[in-house]
Amino acid sequence: MIAAQASAFLQENLLSLPKLPTEEELERLHEAKRLEAQRRIAEERRLEQEQRRRREEQLASTTTSSTTSQHRRMASTPDVKFNKTDVEVLSGWKPDVSGASHPAEDPMIQQMNIIRGYIRQAQEARRWDEVNMLEENLRELQQEYWAHATTEHDS
């Protein structure tokens, strides 16, 4: 009686289950999943590189246009200093320029402090593109400052 019940149970429950894949089918499934994962990773890398390229182009065009306008201003009026209120903001956000700096400070240090303040304000406003651009500008200024400080120290 037990054997008959066990046989009936197996016929009802286990015979209706799908068969396990063969070794060859299992290998094909693994290979297909591996290829899909590689394709997805390659696509993510391509998108990331494209975004990085766009950011670099945008930064380069922003830097080039601001440098060109500064050079034009300096060439036409060499005694005029950059006025912070002349900054044109196209995105609808601009930092508060009310922070006063010590007049005896090195101008490059003043500029770095101003940019640090702008970075804080941009972070508070959740303007991440501006934060990235300002941080890059700050790094460039710091590199320039240290290069200049090193050459003066060596002289």
C-alpha atoms as a PDB file:
ATOM      1  CA  MET A   1       0.000   0.000   0.000  1.00  0.00           C
ATOM      2  CA  ILE A   2       2.879   2.415   0.830  1.00  0.00           C
ATOM      3  CA  ALA A   3       4.602   1.651  -2.466  1.00  0.00           C
ATOM      4  CA  ALA A   4       1.375   2.316  -4.372  1.00  0.00           C
ATOM      5  CA  GLN A   5       0.874   5.653  -2.601  1.00  0.00           C
ATOM      6  CA  ALA A   6       4.499   6.680  -3.240  1.00  0.00           C
ATOM      7  CA  SER A   7       4.184   5.761  -6.900  1.00  0.00           C
ATOM      8  CA  ALA A   8       0.930   7.731  -7.217  1.00  0.00           C
ATOM      9  CA  PHE A   9       2.522  10.756  -5.495  1.00  0.00           C
ATOM     10  CA  LEU A  10       5.521  10.678  -7.829  1.00  0.00           C
ATOM     11  CA  GLN A  11       3.333  10.390 -10.917  1.00  0.00           C
ATOM     12  CA  GLU A  12       1.144  13.336  -9.871  1.00  0.00           C
ATOM     13  CA  ASN A  13       3.815  15.713  -8.639  1.00  0.00           C
ATOM     14  CA  LEU A  14       7.195  14.961 -10.126  1.00  0.00           C
ATOM     15  CA  LEU A  15       6.287  13.886 -13.620  1.00  0.00           C
ATOM     16  CA  SER A  16       4.549  17.226 -14.271  1.00  0.00           C
ATOM     17  CA  LEU A  17       7.740  19.196 -13.499  1.00  0.00           C
ATOM     18  CA  PRO A  18       9.826  20.335 -16.480  1.00  0.00           C
ATOM     19  CA  LYS A  19      12.958  18.355 -17.222  1.00  0.00           C
ATOM     20  CA  LEU A  20      16.308  19.655 -16.053  1.00  0.00           C
ATOM     21  CA  PRO A  21      18.449  21.061 -18.867  1.00  0.00           C
ATOM     22  CA  THR A  22      21.200  18.910 -20.275  1.00  0.00           C
ATOM     23  CA  GLU A  23      24.832  19.851 -19.785  1.00  0.00           C
ATOM     24  CA  GLU A  24      24.948  21.340 -23.294  1.00  0.00           C
ATOM     25  CA  GLU A  25      21.797  23.410 -22.744  1.00  0.00           C
ATOM     26  CA  LEU A  26      23.125  24.587 -19.398  1.00  0.00           C
ATOM     27  CA  GLU A  27      26.407  25.681 -21.004  1.00  0.00           C
ATOM     28  CA  ARG A  28      24.483  27.590 -23.715  1.00  0.00           C
ATOM     29  CA  LEU A  29      22.377  29.351 -21.083  1.00  0.00           C
ATOM     30  CA  HIS A  30      25.475  30.327 -19.096  1.00  0.00           C
ATOM     31  CA  GLU A  31      27.204  31.600 -22.239  1.00  0.00           C
ATOM     32  CA  ALA A  32      24.136  33.643 -23.249  1.00  0.00           C
ATOM     33  CA  LYS A  33      23.971  35.242 -19.795  1.00  0.00           C
ATOM     34  CA  ARG A  34      27.702  35.977 -19.834  1.00  0.00           C
ATOM     35  CA  LEU A  35      27.453  37.609 -23.278  1.00  0.00           C
ATOM     36  CA  GLU A  36      24.454  39.681 -22.169  1.00  0.00           C
ATOM     37  CA  ALA A  37      26.354  40.879 -19.092  1.00  0.00           C
ATOM     38  CA  GLN A  38      29.376  41.829 -21.228  1.00  0.00           C
ATOM     39  CA  ARG A  39      27.126  43.690 -23.676  1.00  0.00           C
ATOM     40  CA  ARG A  40      25.454  45.598 -20.840  1.00  0.00           C
ATOM     41  CA  ILE A  41      28.827  46.533 -19.284  1.00  0.00           C
ATOM     42  CA  ALA A  42      30.168  47.698 -22.654  1.00  0.00           C
ATOM     43  CA  GLU A  43      27.053  49.827 -23.206  1.00  0.00           C
ATOM     44  CA  GLU A  44      27.379  51.402 -19.748  1.00  0.00           C
ATOM     45  CA  ARG A  45      31.056  52.205 -20.396  1.00  0.00           C
ATOM     46  CA  ARG A  46      30.197  53.733 -23.771  1.00  0.00           C
ATOM     47  CA  LEU A  47      27.509  55.929 -22.204  1.00  0.00           C
ATOM     48  CA  GLU A  48      29.862  56.963 -19.405  1.00  0.00           C
ATOM     49  CA  GLN A  49      32.607  57.920 -21.892  1.00  0.00           C
ATOM     50  CA  GLU A  50      30.104  59.869 -23.962  1.00  0.00           C
ATOM     51  CA  GLN A  51      28.902  61.775 -20.893  1.00  0.00           C
ATOM     52  CA  ARG A  52      32.509  62.487 -19.855  1.00  0.00           C
ATOM     53  CA  ARG A  53      33.315  63.733 -23.373  1.00  0.00           C
ATOM     54  CA  ARG A  54      30.270  66.026 -23.342  1.00  0.00           C
ATOM     55  CA  ARG A  55      31.236  67.436 -19.937  1.00  0.00           C
ATOM     56  CA  GLU A  56      34.809  68.042 -21.111  1.00  0.00           C
ATOM     57  CA  GLU A  57      33.583  69.750 -24.286  1.00  0.00           C
ATOM     58  CA  GLN A  58      31.187  71.890 -22.279  1.00  0.00           C
ATOM     59  CA  LEU A  59      33.914  72.790 -19.789  1.00  0.00           C
ATOM     60  CA  ALA A  60      36.379  73.498 -22.594  1.00  0.00           C
ATOM     61  CA  SER A  61      33.919  75.740 -24.409  1.00  0.00           C
ATOM     62  CA  THR A  62      33.028  77.528 -21.158  1.00  0.00           C
ATOM     63  CA  THR A  63      36.681  77.941 -20.224  1.00  0.00           C
ATOM     64  CA  THR A  64      37.642  79.030 -23.741  1.00  0.00           C
ATOM     65  CA  SER A  65      34.867  81.597 -23.982  1.00  0.00           C
ATOM     66  CA  SER A  66      35.587  83.027 -20.520  1.00  0.00           C
ATOM     67  CA  THR A  67      39.340  83.097 -21.202  1.00  0.00           C
ATOM     68  CA  THR A  68      38.786  84.764 -24.564  1.00  0.00           C
ATOM     69  CA  SER A  69      36.510  87.397 -23.062  1.00  0.00           C
ATOM     70  CA  GLN A  70      39.006  88.011 -20.252  1.00  0.00           C
ATOM     71  CA  HIS A  71      41.847  88.372 -22.776  1.00  0.00           C
ATOM     72  CA  ARG A  72      39.773  90.816 -24.817  1.00  0.00           C
ATOM     73  CA  ARG A  73      38.976  92.830 -21.713  1.00  0.00           C
ATOM     74  CA  MET A  74      42.618  92.842 -20.624  1.00  0.00           C
ATOM     75  CA  ALA A  75      43.867  93.782 -24.080  1.00  0.00           C
ATOM     76  CA  SER A  76      41.457  96.673 -24.477  1.00  0.00           C
ATOM     77  CA  THR A  77      41.775  98.040 -20.921  1.00  0.00           C
ATOM     78  CA  PRO A  78      44.911  96.718 -19.243  1.00  0.00           C
ATOM     79  CA  ASP A  79      44.374  98.726 -16.007  1.00  0.00           C
ATOM     80  CA  VAL A  80      40.808  97.483 -15.447  1.00  0.00           C
ATOM     81  CA  LYS A  81      40.435  94.551 -13.047  1.00  0.00           C
ATOM     82  CA  PHE A  82      37.779  91.857 -13.354  1.00  0.00           C
ATOM     83  CA  ASN A  83      34.520  93.003 -11.837  1.00  0.00           C
ATOM     84  CA  LYS A  84      32.562  90.206 -10.142  1.00  0.00           C
ATOM     85  CA  THR A  85      29.241  91.766 -11.138  1.00  0.00           C
ATOM     86  CA  ASP A  86      30.065  91.333 -14.852  1.00  0.00           C
ATOM     87  CA  VAL A  87      29.608  87.555 -14.670  1.00  0.00           C
ATOM     88  CA  GLU A  88      26.886  86.423 -17.062  1.00  0.00           C
ATOM     89  CA  VAL A  89      24.883  83.479 -15.805  1.00  0.00           C
ATOM     90  CA  LEU A  90      22.905  81.629 -18.455  1.00  0.00           C
ATOM     91  CA  SER A  91      21.457  78.876 -16.286  1.00  0.00           C
ATOM     92  CA  GLY A  92      19.384  81.043 -13.942  1.00  0.00           C
ATOM     93  CA  TRP A  93      21.562  80.502 -10.858  1.00  0.00           C
ATOM     94  CA  LYS A  94      24.378  82.665  -9.615  1.00  0.00           C
ATOM     95  CA  PRO A  95      26.313  82.635  -6.365  1.00  0.00           C
ATOM     96  CA  ASP A  96      26.099  85.386  -3.771  1.00  0.00           C
ATOM     97  CA  VAL A  97      29.197  87.587  -4.105  1.00  0.00           C
ATOM     98  CA  SER A  98      28.789  89.423  -0.794  1.00  0.00           C
ATOM     99  CA  GLY A  99      31.697  87.649   0.963  1.00  0.00           C
ATOM    100  CA  ALA A 100      34.501  90.145   1.707  1.00  0.00           C
ATOM    101  CA  SER A 101      38.102  89.017   1.590  1.00  0.00           C
ATOM    102  CA  HIS A 102      41.166  90.465   3.229  1.00  0.00           C
ATOM    103  CA  PRO A 103      42.708  93.046   0.837  1.00  0.00           C
ATOM    104  CA  ALA A 104      46.300  92.089   1.727  1.00  0.00           C
ATOM    105  CA  GLU A 105      45.820  88.466   0.619  1.00  0.00           C
ATOM    106  CA  ASP A 106      47.410  87.109  -2.515  1.00  0.00           C
ATOM    107  CA  PRO A 107      44.892  87.563  -5.377  1.00  0.00           C
ATOM    108  CA  MET A 108      45.083  83.870  -6.256  1.00  0.00           C
ATOM    109  CA  ILE A 109      44.264  82.884  -2.681  1.00  0.00           C
ATOM    110  CA  GLN A 110      41.383  85.365  -2.729  1.00  0.00           C
ATOM    111  CA  GLN A 111      40.087  83.784  -5.938  1.00  0.00           C
ATOM    112  CA  MET A 112      40.400  80.256  -4.486  1.00  0.00           C
ATOM    113  CA  ASN A 113      38.472  81.341  -1.375  1.00  0.00           C
ATOM    114  CA  ILE A 114      35.783  82.934  -3.528  1.00  0.00           C
ATOM    115  CA  ILE A 115      35.446  79.738  -5.574  1.00  0.00           C
ATOM    116  CA  ARG A 116      35.231  77.644  -2.372  1.00  0.00           C
ATOM    117  CA  GLY A 117      32.343  79.863  -1.269  1.00  0.00           C
ATOM    118  CA  TYR A 118      30.691  79.443  -4.667  1.00  0.00           C
ATOM    119  CA  ILE A 119      31.082  75.660  -4.389  1.00  0.00           C
ATOM    120  CA  ARG A 120      29.325  75.674  -0.997  1.00  0.00           C
ATOM    121  CA  GLN A 121      26.509  77.805  -2.387  1.00  0.00           C
ATOM    122  CA  ALA A 122      26.135  75.602  -5.469  1.00  0.00           C
ATOM    123  CA  GLN A 123      26.014  72.496  -3.263  1.00  0.00           C
ATOM    124  CA  GLU A 124      23.311  74.064  -1.106  1.00  0.00           C
ATOM    125  CA  ALA A 125      21.363  74.934  -4.274  1.00  0.00           C
ATOM    126  CA  ARG A 126      21.947  71.350  -5.530  1.00  0.00           C
ATOM    127  CA  ARG A 127      23.495  72.644  -8.756  1.00  0.00           C
ATOM    128  CA  TRP A 128      25.788  69.668  -9.346  1.00  0.00           C
ATOM    129  CA  ASP A 129      26.988  70.732 -12.814  1.00  0.00           C
ATOM    130  CA  GLU A 130      28.166  74.047 -11.371  1.00  0.00           C
ATOM    131  CA  VAL A 131      29.757  72.236  -8.413  1.00  0.00           C
ATOM    132  CA  ASN A 132      31.764  70.006 -10.786  1.00  0.00           C
ATOM    133  CA  MET A 133      32.822  72.951 -12.942  1.00  0.00           C
ATOM    134  CA  LEU A 134      33.803  75.075  -9.919  1.00  0.00           C
ATOM    135  CA  GLU A 135      35.758  72.212  -8.323  1.00  0.00           C
ATOM    136  CA  GLU A 136      37.673  71.732 -11.573  1.00  0.00           C
ATOM    137  CA  ASN A 137      38.411  75.481 -11.722  1.00  0.00           C
ATOM    138  CA  LEU A 138      39.587  75.371  -8.107  1.00  0.00           C
ATOM    139  CA  ARG A 139      41.929  72.443  -8.863  1.00  0.00           C
ATOM    140  CA  GLU A 140      43.394  74.339 -11.825  1.00  0.00           C
ATOM    141  CA  LEU A 141      43.916  77.458  -9.713  1.00  0.00           C
ATOM    142  CA  GLN A 142      45.587  75.410  -6.968  1.00  0.00           C
ATOM    143  CA  GLN A 143      47.915  73.766  -9.494  1.00  0.00           C
ATOM    144  CA  GLU A 144      48.789  77.177 -10.955  1.00  0.00           C
ATOM    145  CA  TYR A 145      49.322  78.626  -7.489  1.00  0.00           C
ATOM    146  CA  TRP A 146      51.638  75.804  -6.407  1.00  0.00           C
ATOM    147  CA  ALA A 147      53.544  75.915  -9.692  1.00  0.00           C
ATOM    148  CA  HIS A 148      54.005  79.678  -9.270  1.00  0.00           C
ATOM    149  CA  ALA A 149      54.940  79.324  -5.583  1.00  0.00           C
ATOM    150  CA  THR A 150      57.477  76.609  -6.409  1.00  0.00           C
ATOM    151  CA  THR A 151      59.168  78.702  -9.119  1.00  0.00           C
ATOM    152  CA  GLU A 152      59.350  81.748  -6.805  1.00  0.00           C
ATOM    153  CA  HIS A 153      60.770  79.617  -4.001  1.00  0.00           C
ATOM    154  CA  ASP A 154      63.451  78.177  -6.310  1.00  0.00           C
ATOM    155  CA  SER A 155      64.517  81.662  -7.497  1.00  0.00           C
END
